[in-house]
Amino acid sequence: MTDLEFDVLDELYFVCSYSQLKAAVEVQDEDLKNVLIELYSKKWISCYSDVDQEIDESKVDLENECDTYLYLATKKGLFKHNS
């Protein structure tokens, strides 16, 4: 796990918007987008359209929509974060 992956997961114990996440980890958009894509591919995070509405995996488009989603660490992601 990279330092940035760790820092992002550290913020995702609760649902968090892209802008909140960007402010918390203090990285450029491209770096944040890349780490979110990586974490999602590992199934360490989930994407939400609203605090209680997870987006179906087939509809997630992080390449083009990452700044519109809300994020939450998955059980698998939390386990990796705490290992």
C-alpha atoms as a PDB file:
ATOM      1  CA  MET A   1       0.000   0.000   0.000  1.00  0.00           C
ATOM      2  CA  THR A   2       1.352   3.398  -0.950  1.00  0.00           C
ATOM      3  CA  ASP A   3       1.393   6.342   1.438  1.00  0.00           C
ATOM      4  CA  LEU A   4      -1.278   8.073  -0.634  1.00  0.00           C
ATOM      5  CA  GLU A   5      -3.511   4.978  -0.628  1.00  0.00           C
ATOM      6  CA  PHE A   6      -3.133   4.839   3.152  1.00  0.00           C
ATOM      7  CA  ASP A   7      -3.968   8.538   3.530  1.00  0.00           C
ATOM      8  CA  VAL A   8      -7.051   8.260   1.314  1.00  0.00           C
ATOM      9  CA  LEU A   9      -8.342   5.187   3.156  1.00  0.00           C
ATOM     10  CA  ASP A  10      -7.711   6.995   6.431  1.00  0.00           C
ATOM     11  CA  GLU A  11     -10.307   9.581   5.361  1.00  0.00           C
ATOM     12  CA  LEU A  12     -12.881   7.051   4.172  1.00  0.00           C
ATOM     13  CA  TYR A  13     -14.113   5.522   7.409  1.00  0.00           C
ATOM     14  CA  PHE A  14     -17.197   7.647   6.743  1.00  0.00           C
ATOM     15  CA  VAL A  15     -18.745   8.734   3.444  1.00  0.00           C
ATOM     16  CA  CYS A  16     -16.679  11.569   1.999  1.00  0.00           C
ATOM     17  CA  SER A  17     -17.072  13.740  -1.094  1.00  0.00           C
ATOM     18  CA  TYR A  18     -14.318  14.170  -3.650  1.00  0.00           C
ATOM     19  CA  SER A  19     -13.749  17.787  -2.614  1.00  0.00           C
ATOM     20  CA  GLN A  20     -13.529  16.866   1.081  1.00  0.00           C
ATOM     21  CA  LEU A  21     -11.107  14.079   0.252  1.00  0.00           C
ATOM     22  CA  LYS A  22      -8.961  16.323  -1.948  1.00  0.00           C
ATOM     23  CA  ALA A  23      -8.739  18.960   0.793  1.00  0.00           C
ATOM     24  CA  ALA A  24      -7.874  16.364   3.427  1.00  0.00           C
ATOM     25  CA  VAL A  25      -5.072  14.613   1.530  1.00  0.00           C
ATOM     26  CA  GLU A  26      -3.815  17.751  -0.247  1.00  0.00           C
ATOM     27  CA  VAL A  27      -2.970  16.290  -3.670  1.00  0.00           C
ATOM     28  CA  GLN A  28      -3.563  17.314  -7.264  1.00  0.00           C
ATOM     29  CA  ASP A  29      -6.682  16.116  -9.084  1.00  0.00           C
ATOM     30  CA  GLU A  30      -4.789  13.724 -11.353  1.00  0.00           C
ATOM     31  CA  ASP A  31      -3.029  12.029  -8.425  1.00  0.00           C
ATOM     32  CA  LEU A  32      -6.260  11.682  -6.467  1.00  0.00           C
ATOM     33  CA  LYS A  33      -8.114  10.336  -9.487  1.00  0.00           C
ATOM     34  CA  ASN A  34      -5.392   7.752 -10.103  1.00  0.00           C
ATOM     35  CA  VAL A  35      -5.366   6.553  -6.508  1.00  0.00           C
ATOM     36  CA  LEU A  36      -9.168   6.324  -6.429  1.00  0.00           C
ATOM     37  CA  ILE A  37      -9.100   4.225  -9.602  1.00  0.00           C
ATOM     38  CA  GLU A  38      -6.460   1.970  -8.048  1.00  0.00           C
ATOM     39  CA  LEU A  39      -8.334   1.604  -4.746  1.00  0.00           C
ATOM     40  CA  TYR A  40     -11.586   0.879  -6.574  1.00  0.00           C
ATOM     41  CA  SER A  41      -9.912  -1.769  -8.745  1.00  0.00           C
ATOM     42  CA  LYS A  42      -8.702  -3.473  -5.554  1.00  0.00           C
ATOM     43  CA  LYS A  43     -12.266  -3.245  -4.148  1.00  0.00           C
ATOM     44  CA  TRP A  44     -10.987  -1.208  -1.204  1.00  0.00           C
ATOM     45  CA  ILE A  45     -13.496   1.612  -1.750  1.00  0.00           C
ATOM     46  CA  SER A  46     -17.093   1.981  -2.901  1.00  0.00           C
ATOM     47  CA  CYS A  47     -18.618   4.855  -4.856  1.00  0.00           C
ATOM     48  CA  TYR A  48     -21.882   6.536  -3.912  1.00  0.00           C
ATOM     49  CA  SER A  49     -24.217   9.001  -5.597  1.00  0.00           C
ATOM     50  CA  ASP A  50     -25.723   9.933  -2.217  1.00  0.00           C
ATOM     51  CA  VAL A  51     -24.782   9.037   1.360  1.00  0.00           C
ATOM     52  CA  ASP A  52     -27.012   5.959   1.277  1.00  0.00           C
ATOM     53  CA  GLN A  53     -26.971   5.124  -2.444  1.00  0.00           C
ATOM     54  CA  GLU A  54     -24.062   2.990  -3.652  1.00  0.00           C
ATOM     55  CA  ILE A  55     -23.494   3.158  -7.396  1.00  0.00           C
ATOM     56  CA  ASP A  56     -23.775  -0.142  -9.245  1.00  0.00           C
ATOM     57  CA  GLU A  57     -20.334  -1.357 -10.284  1.00  0.00           C
ATOM     58  CA  SER A  58     -21.359  -1.423 -13.957  1.00  0.00           C
ATOM     59  CA  LYS A  59     -22.172   2.311 -13.827  1.00  0.00           C
ATOM     60  CA  VAL A  60     -19.057   3.584 -12.046  1.00  0.00           C
ATOM     61  CA  ASP A  61     -16.946   5.776 -14.351  1.00  0.00           C
ATOM     62  CA  LEU A  62     -14.019   7.069 -12.328  1.00  0.00           C
ATOM     63  CA  GLU A  63     -12.168   8.274 -15.423  1.00  0.00           C
ATOM     64  CA  ASN A  64     -14.843  10.865 -16.163  1.00  0.00           C
ATOM     65  CA  GLU A  65     -16.992  11.218 -13.040  1.00  0.00           C
ATOM     66  CA  CYS A  66     -14.653  10.806 -10.064  1.00  0.00           C
ATOM     67  CA  ASP A  67     -15.239  14.352  -8.818  1.00  0.00           C
ATOM     68  CA  THR A  68     -19.023  13.804  -8.627  1.00  0.00           C
ATOM     69  CA  TYR A  69     -18.977  10.708  -6.416  1.00  0.00           C
ATOM     70  CA  LEU A  70     -18.925  10.159  -2.696  1.00  0.00           C
ATOM     71  CA  TYR A  71     -16.541   7.522  -1.357  1.00  0.00           C
ATOM     72  CA  LEU A  72     -16.408   5.023   1.475  1.00  0.00           C
ATOM     73  CA  ALA A  73     -13.830   2.397   2.372  1.00  0.00           C
ATOM     74  CA  THR A  74     -15.073  -1.171   2.062  1.00  0.00           C
ATOM     75  CA  LYS A  75     -14.597  -3.802   4.739  1.00  0.00           C
ATOM     76  CA  LYS A  76     -11.705  -5.163   2.667  1.00  0.00           C
ATOM     77  CA  GLY A  77     -10.178  -1.679   2.416  1.00  0.00           C
ATOM     78  CA  LEU A  78     -10.484  -1.065   6.153  1.00  0.00           C
ATOM     79  CA  PHE A  79      -8.854  -4.412   6.863  1.00  0.00           C
ATOM     80  CA  LYS A  80      -5.911  -3.556   4.585  1.00  0.00           C
ATOM     81  CA  HIS A  81      -5.646  -0.091   6.138  1.00  0.00           C
ATOM     82  CA  ASN A  82      -5.372  -1.605   9.609  1.00  0.00           C
ATOM     83  CA  SER A  83      -2.972  -4.439   8.698  1.00  0.00           C
END
